Protein backbone atom coordinates (compact mmCIF):
# COMPACT_ATOMS: atom_id res chain seq x y z
CA MET A 1 44.25 3.78 6.08
CA ALA A 2 41.66 4.17 3.35
CA ASN A 3 41.90 5.99 0.44
CA LYS A 4 38.80 8.53 -0.61
CA SER A 5 37.42 6.69 -3.13
CA ALA A 6 37.28 3.91 -0.86
CA GLU A 7 35.63 5.15 2.04
CA LYS A 8 33.41 6.94 -0.09
CA ARG A 9 32.39 3.27 -1.65
CA GLU A 10 32.05 2.11 1.80
CA ARG A 11 29.76 4.81 2.69
CA GLN A 12 27.61 3.81 -0.31
CA GLU A 13 27.78 0.08 0.28
CA ALA A 14 26.03 1.07 3.87
CA THR A 15 23.28 2.97 2.75
CA ARG A 16 22.58 0.52 0.46
CA ARG A 17 22.82 -2.63 2.76
CA LEU A 18 20.03 -1.14 4.93
CA ARG A 19 17.99 -0.21 2.06
CA ASN A 20 18.34 -3.31 0.76
CA ARG A 21 17.74 -4.97 4.31
CA ALA A 22 14.44 -3.09 5.11
CA ALA A 23 13.10 -4.39 1.29
CA LYS A 24 14.17 -7.63 1.82
CA SER A 25 12.11 -7.87 5.87
CA THR A 26 9.31 -5.91 3.72
CA VAL A 27 8.94 -9.48 1.29
CA ARG A 28 9.49 -11.61 4.44
CA THR A 29 7.31 -9.83 6.49
CA ALA A 30 4.41 -9.70 3.52
CA VAL A 31 5.16 -13.67 3.12
CA LYS A 32 4.48 -14.49 6.49
CA LYS A 33 1.47 -12.58 6.42
CA PHE A 34 -0.08 -14.51 3.52
CA ASP A 35 0.93 -17.69 5.42
CA THR A 36 -1.01 -17.43 8.22
CA ALA A 37 -3.94 -16.23 6.30
CA VAL A 38 -3.81 -19.56 4.42
CA ALA A 39 -3.38 -21.35 7.91
CA LYS A 40 -6.26 -19.84 9.23
CA GLY A 41 -8.31 -20.80 5.89
CA ASP A 42 -9.02 -17.32 5.24
CA LYS A 43 -9.39 -17.38 1.34
CA GLU A 44 -10.26 -13.36 1.43
CA ALA A 45 -6.84 -12.32 3.04
CA ALA A 46 -4.83 -14.84 1.78
CA ALA A 47 -5.54 -13.24 -2.09
CA VAL A 48 -4.99 -9.72 -0.32
CA ALA A 49 -1.41 -10.98 1.23
CA LEU A 50 -0.66 -12.96 -2.13
CA ALA A 51 -1.36 -9.90 -4.48
CA GLU A 52 0.89 -7.20 -1.91
CA SER A 53 3.43 -10.08 -1.53
CA CYS A 54 4.02 -10.61 -5.56
CA LYS A 55 3.99 -6.88 -5.72
CA LEU A 56 6.96 -6.32 -2.74
CA LEU A 57 8.92 -9.22 -4.65
CA ASP A 58 8.39 -7.53 -7.98
CA ALA A 59 9.81 -4.20 -7.06
CA ALA A 60 12.13 -6.21 -4.97
CA VAL A 61 13.46 -7.46 -8.90
CA GLY A 62 13.27 -4.06 -10.06
CA LYS A 63 15.67 -3.01 -7.29
CA GLY A 64 17.92 -5.42 -8.23
CA ILE A 65 17.69 -6.62 -4.54
CA VAL A 66 16.35 -9.93 -5.25
CA HIS A 67 17.00 -11.99 -8.43
CA ARG A 68 14.20 -12.22 -11.09
CA ASN A 69 14.17 -16.50 -10.85
CA THR A 70 14.45 -16.58 -7.10
CA ALA A 71 11.01 -13.82 -6.92
CA ASP A 72 9.50 -15.96 -9.64
CA ARG A 73 9.57 -19.26 -7.61
CA LYS A 74 8.69 -17.66 -4.66
CA LYS A 75 5.83 -16.31 -6.03
CA SER A 76 5.30 -20.01 -7.84
CA ARG A 77 5.29 -21.55 -4.31
CA LEU A 78 2.58 -18.50 -2.73
CA ALA A 79 0.42 -19.24 -5.78
CA HIS A 80 0.55 -23.19 -5.51
CA ALA A 81 -0.46 -22.40 -1.68
CA PHE A 82 -2.99 -20.70 -2.41
CA ASN A 83 -4.51 -22.86 -5.01
CA LYS A 84 -4.51 -25.55 -2.49
CA LEU A 85 -6.81 -23.22 -0.06
CA ALA A 86 -9.39 -23.50 -2.97
């Protein structure tokens, strides 16, 4: 049986895992909204979704959920898709 500190660590990891999963899901949903707006050709909705996606990615980086380079790469690809729309 695990000792007390290991049990506490398991509880902490479970809490963090759920929090991180929720944050990643929120980011993916925002990116999907952007992708659908780009597919429809709706530039205004795409601009709003791009701003929201970048904001959520930056927040995830700040919390240590996503690596900085990964977020930068995703933001770059989103911006490139938005610029192609124009």
